[in-house]
Amino acid sequence: MCSHDVPETPVHAHVVAAHPEQGWNLLCDGTIVFDDCGELLPDGRVVAPVGRLVAA
């Protein structure tokens, strides 16, 4: 995990382990981001998917 003073948001954190075949990525701050836009934070909190991004 990165040693940042302030926890990063997924927008600023970078991927340290990509598993697209399983539908998730591990970010440098310990957050797991799922392809459905949901998140599992390092402290165990869950961020529910807000909606899907659709390419035009």
Protein backbone atom coordinates (compact mmCIF):
# COMPACT_ATOMS: atom_id res chain seq x y z
CA MET A 1 0.00 0.00 0.00
CA CYS A 2 1.06 3.57 -0.58
CA SER A 3 2.02 5.59 2.45
CA HIS A 4 -0.03 8.73 1.87
CA ASP A 5 -1.04 11.17 4.61
CA VAL A 6 -4.59 11.46 3.31
CA PRO A 7 -6.49 8.44 1.98
CA GLU A 8 -6.76 8.70 -1.77
CA THR A 9 -9.92 8.45 -3.77
CA PRO A 10 -10.04 5.88 -6.58
CA VAL A 11 -9.73 8.80 -9.00
CA HIS A 12 -6.20 9.55 -7.72
CA ALA A 13 -5.00 6.09 -6.69
CA HIS A 14 -3.28 3.85 -9.22
CA VAL A 15 -3.82 0.16 -9.96
CA VAL A 16 -1.26 -2.17 -8.40
CA ALA A 17 -2.96 -5.45 -9.35
CA ALA A 18 -5.37 -5.79 -12.27
CA HIS A 19 -7.69 -8.78 -12.55
CA PRO A 20 -10.05 -7.92 -15.43
CA GLU A 21 -10.90 -11.59 -15.94
CA GLN A 22 -12.36 -11.59 -12.41
CA GLY A 23 -13.84 -8.08 -12.62
CA TRP A 24 -11.75 -6.20 -10.03
CA ASN A 25 -8.59 -4.14 -9.49
CA LEU A 26 -6.54 -3.44 -6.37
CA LEU A 27 -5.50 0.19 -5.93
CA CYS A 28 -2.36 1.45 -4.20
CA ASP A 29 -4.38 2.62 -1.18
CA GLY A 30 -5.79 -0.87 -0.56
CA THR A 31 -9.19 -0.20 -2.15
CA ILE A 32 -10.67 -2.93 -4.34
CA VAL A 33 -12.65 -1.51 -7.25
CA PHE A 34 -15.13 -3.75 -9.04
CA ASP A 35 -16.16 -3.52 -12.71
CA ASP A 36 -19.72 -2.66 -11.64
CA CYS A 37 -18.30 0.55 -10.05
CA GLY A 38 -18.66 -0.73 -6.48
CA GLU A 39 -15.76 -0.54 -4.01
CA LEU A 40 -14.49 -2.38 -0.94
CA LEU A 41 -12.43 0.01 1.19
CA PRO A 42 -9.40 -1.09 3.26
CA ASP A 43 -11.34 -0.59 6.52
CA GLY A 44 -14.08 -2.99 5.34
CA ARG A 45 -16.67 -0.39 4.34
CA VAL A 46 -18.55 -1.03 1.12
CA VAL A 47 -19.37 1.60 -1.49
CA ALA A 48 -22.36 0.39 -3.48
CA PRO A 49 -22.37 0.78 -7.26
CA VAL A 50 -23.91 4.10 -8.26
CA GLY A 51 -24.52 3.29 -11.90
CA ARG A 52 -22.81 1.99 -14.94
CA LEU A 53 -20.80 4.11 -17.33
CA VAL A 54 -22.00 3.69 -20.88
CA ALA A 55 -19.78 4.48 -23.84
CA ALA A 56 -21.50 6.45 -26.56
